[in-house]
Amino acid sequence: FPLVWALIDKNHPVAALLFDVTGLLLGAGIGLCLARGGGADKTRVRGLPGQDRLALALLGAIIVVGFVLEGVRIAMTGAGGAAAYAFIGFGIGKLFSNMAGLSGLYGYIWHLHAILTGAFIAYIPFSRMMHIIMSPVVMAMNAVIKNEHH
């Protein structure tokens, strides 16, 4: 499983590129969701709940703080030529190069990233994103019920 090992190593070119592209696409999607939901939407069906801005804000904050965390890590470790594949983190890392106290800053940013991630996970059952959990559960229950009747 060479790809799995490549994804575990943050400095591997495949992982660096994949993680930055994924973060960029997620951030763009969140931005588009917020832009689309910002105005009065006359096409929205009455009675349906509005946009879950807290979930979007938490995801956006996780992504932004993650990129800053990656930039500080790259600046702190000087992660060689493969770090350039993490084009966003590498660019942010240049802002932090030659800065004193990066290891302490890295710890605070890491904890902020972890707290935001934990807050998002804790918020899922109370958000519109509950379908992430409930859809597979309902599908599995329907499959079991269907098999019991046949």
Protein backbone atom coordinates (compact mmCIF):
# COMPACT_ATOMS: atom_id res chain seq x y z
CA PHE A 1 0.00 0.00 0.00
CA PRO A 2 2.49 2.66 -1.08
CA LEU A 3 -0.24 5.30 -1.51
CA VAL A 4 -1.36 4.87 2.11
CA TRP A 5 2.20 5.40 3.32
CA ALA A 6 2.52 8.43 1.05
CA LEU A 7 -0.60 9.97 2.61
CA ILE A 8 0.67 9.39 6.14
CA ASP A 9 3.86 11.36 5.40
CA LYS A 10 2.86 15.05 5.31
CA ASN A 11 6.05 15.88 3.42
CA HIS A 12 5.44 13.37 0.60
CA PRO A 13 4.64 15.20 -2.67
CA VAL A 14 1.39 13.25 -3.22
CA ALA A 15 0.09 14.00 0.28
CA ALA A 16 1.22 17.63 0.18
CA LEU A 17 -0.51 18.28 -3.14
CA LEU A 18 -3.63 16.27 -2.32
CA PHE A 19 -4.20 17.90 1.06
CA ASP A 20 -3.73 21.43 -0.27
CA VAL A 21 -6.00 20.84 -3.29
CA THR A 22 -8.64 19.26 -1.03
CA GLY A 23 -8.48 22.19 1.41
CA LEU A 24 -8.67 24.67 -1.45
CA LEU A 25 -11.71 22.96 -2.99
CA LEU A 26 -13.48 22.67 0.38
CA GLY A 27 -12.77 26.33 1.09
CA ALA A 28 -14.11 27.32 -2.33
CA GLY A 29 -17.23 25.25 -1.75
CA ILE A 30 -17.82 26.82 1.64
CA GLY A 31 -17.33 30.28 0.15
CA LEU A 32 -19.83 29.52 -2.62
CA CYS A 33 -22.34 28.17 -0.08
CA LEU A 34 -22.04 31.29 2.03
CA ALA A 35 -22.30 33.56 -1.03
CA ARG A 36 -25.36 31.72 -2.35
CA GLY A 37 -27.08 31.70 1.03
CA GLY A 38 -26.31 35.33 1.75
CA GLY A 39 -29.20 36.90 -0.12
CA ALA A 40 -32.94 36.45 0.00
CA ASP A 41 -33.57 33.20 -1.87
CA LYS A 42 -37.02 33.20 -3.45
CA THR A 43 -36.52 29.69 -4.86
CA ARG A 44 -36.13 28.05 -1.45
CA VAL A 45 -39.07 25.89 -0.42
CA ARG A 46 -40.98 27.39 2.49
CA GLY A 47 -40.77 25.46 5.71
CA LEU A 48 -37.29 24.07 5.09
CA PRO A 49 -34.58 25.22 7.49
CA GLY A 50 -32.09 27.80 6.37
CA GLN A 51 -28.40 27.42 5.81
CA ASP A 52 -26.32 26.05 8.68
CA ARG A 53 -23.83 28.91 8.89
CA LEU A 54 -22.23 27.65 12.11
CA ALA A 55 -21.25 24.36 10.48
CA LEU A 56 -19.88 26.21 7.45
CA ALA A 57 -17.97 28.65 9.68
CA LEU A 58 -16.45 25.82 11.73
CA LEU A 59 -15.36 23.97 8.59
CA GLY A 60 -13.93 27.15 7.11
CA ALA A 61 -12.03 27.92 10.30
CA ILE A 62 -10.64 24.38 10.42
CA ILE A 63 -9.34 24.78 6.86
CA VAL A 64 -7.82 28.24 7.37
CA VAL A 65 -6.16 27.29 10.67
CA GLY A 66 -4.98 24.03 9.05
CA PHE A 67 -3.23 25.93 6.27
CA VAL A 68 -1.58 28.26 8.79
CA LEU A 69 -0.54 25.23 10.84
CA GLU A 70 0.96 23.63 7.75
CA GLY A 71 2.79 26.85 6.89
CA VAL A 72 4.28 27.13 10.36
CA ARG A 73 5.33 23.46 10.25
CA ILE A 74 7.05 23.95 6.90
CA ALA A 75 8.78 27.13 8.12
CA MET A 76 9.83 25.40 11.34
CA THR A 77 11.17 22.18 9.78
CA GLY A 78 12.34 23.50 6.41
CA ALA A 79 10.66 20.47 4.84
CA GLY A 80 12.75 20.30 1.66
CA GLY A 81 11.69 20.33 -1.98
CA ALA A 82 8.57 18.19 -1.48
CA ALA A 83 7.04 20.96 0.65
CA ALA A 84 6.63 23.06 -2.49
CA TYR A 85 3.87 20.64 -3.57
CA ALA A 86 1.89 21.97 -0.60
CA PHE A 87 1.58 25.21 -2.54
CA ILE A 88 -0.69 27.01 -0.06
CA GLY A 89 1.15 25.84 3.06
CA PHE A 90 4.48 26.54 1.38
CA GLY A 91 3.39 30.10 0.56
CA ILE A 92 2.18 30.67 4.10
CA GLY A 93 5.40 29.12 5.40
CA LYS A 94 7.39 31.83 3.62
CA LEU A 95 5.56 34.40 5.75
CA PHE A 96 6.84 32.66 8.90
CA SER A 97 10.40 31.93 7.74
CA ASN A 98 13.16 33.19 10.03
CA MET A 99 10.62 33.91 12.77
CA ALA A 100 11.64 33.19 16.36
CA GLY A 101 9.46 31.05 18.64
CA LEU A 102 7.82 28.96 15.92
CA SER A 103 7.71 25.79 18.02
CA GLY A 104 5.63 27.52 20.69
CA LEU A 105 3.39 29.13 18.08
CA TYR A 106 2.95 25.76 16.37
CA GLY A 107 1.64 24.23 19.61
CA TYR A 108 -0.98 26.94 20.05
CA ILE A 109 -2.12 26.71 16.44
CA TRP A 110 -2.24 22.91 16.65
CA HIS A 111 -4.45 23.10 19.74
CA LEU A 112 -6.73 25.65 18.07
CA HIS A 113 -7.04 23.36 15.04
CA ALA A 114 -7.85 20.40 17.31
CA ILE A 115 -10.42 22.39 19.32
CA LEU A 116 -12.17 23.60 16.16
CA THR A 117 -12.23 20.05 14.79
CA GLY A 118 -13.65 18.70 18.06
CA ALA A 119 -16.26 21.47 18.16
CA PHE A 120 -17.33 20.62 14.61
CA ILE A 121 -17.61 16.91 15.41
CA ALA A 122 -19.55 17.68 18.60
CA TYR A 123 -21.89 19.99 16.66
CA ILE A 124 -22.75 17.42 13.95
CA PRO A 125 -25.68 15.81 15.84
CA PHE A 126 -27.25 19.25 16.31
CA SER A 127 -26.66 20.48 12.78
CA ARG A 128 -28.10 19.92 9.35
CA MET A 129 -25.06 17.75 8.73
CA MET A 130 -26.59 14.97 10.82
CA HIS A 131 -27.46 13.33 7.49
CA ILE A 132 -23.79 12.32 7.26
CA ILE A 133 -24.49 9.87 10.08
CA MET A 134 -28.20 9.16 9.63
CA SER A 135 -28.28 8.42 5.89
CA PRO A 136 -26.06 5.32 6.10
CA VAL A 137 -27.87 4.16 9.25
CA VAL A 138 -31.29 4.47 7.58
CA MET A 139 -30.03 2.73 4.45
CA ALA A 140 -28.64 -0.14 6.51
CA MET A 141 -31.87 -0.44 8.51
CA ASN A 142 -33.94 -0.44 5.31
CA ALA A 143 -31.73 -3.17 3.84
CA VAL A 144 -32.18 -5.32 6.96
CA ILE A 145 -35.96 -4.80 6.97
CA LYS A 146 -36.17 -5.57 3.24
CA ASN A 147 -34.16 -8.79 3.70
CA GLU A 148 -36.37 -9.90 6.64
CA HIS A 149 -39.49 -9.66 4.48
CA HIS A 150 -38.09 -11.70 1.59
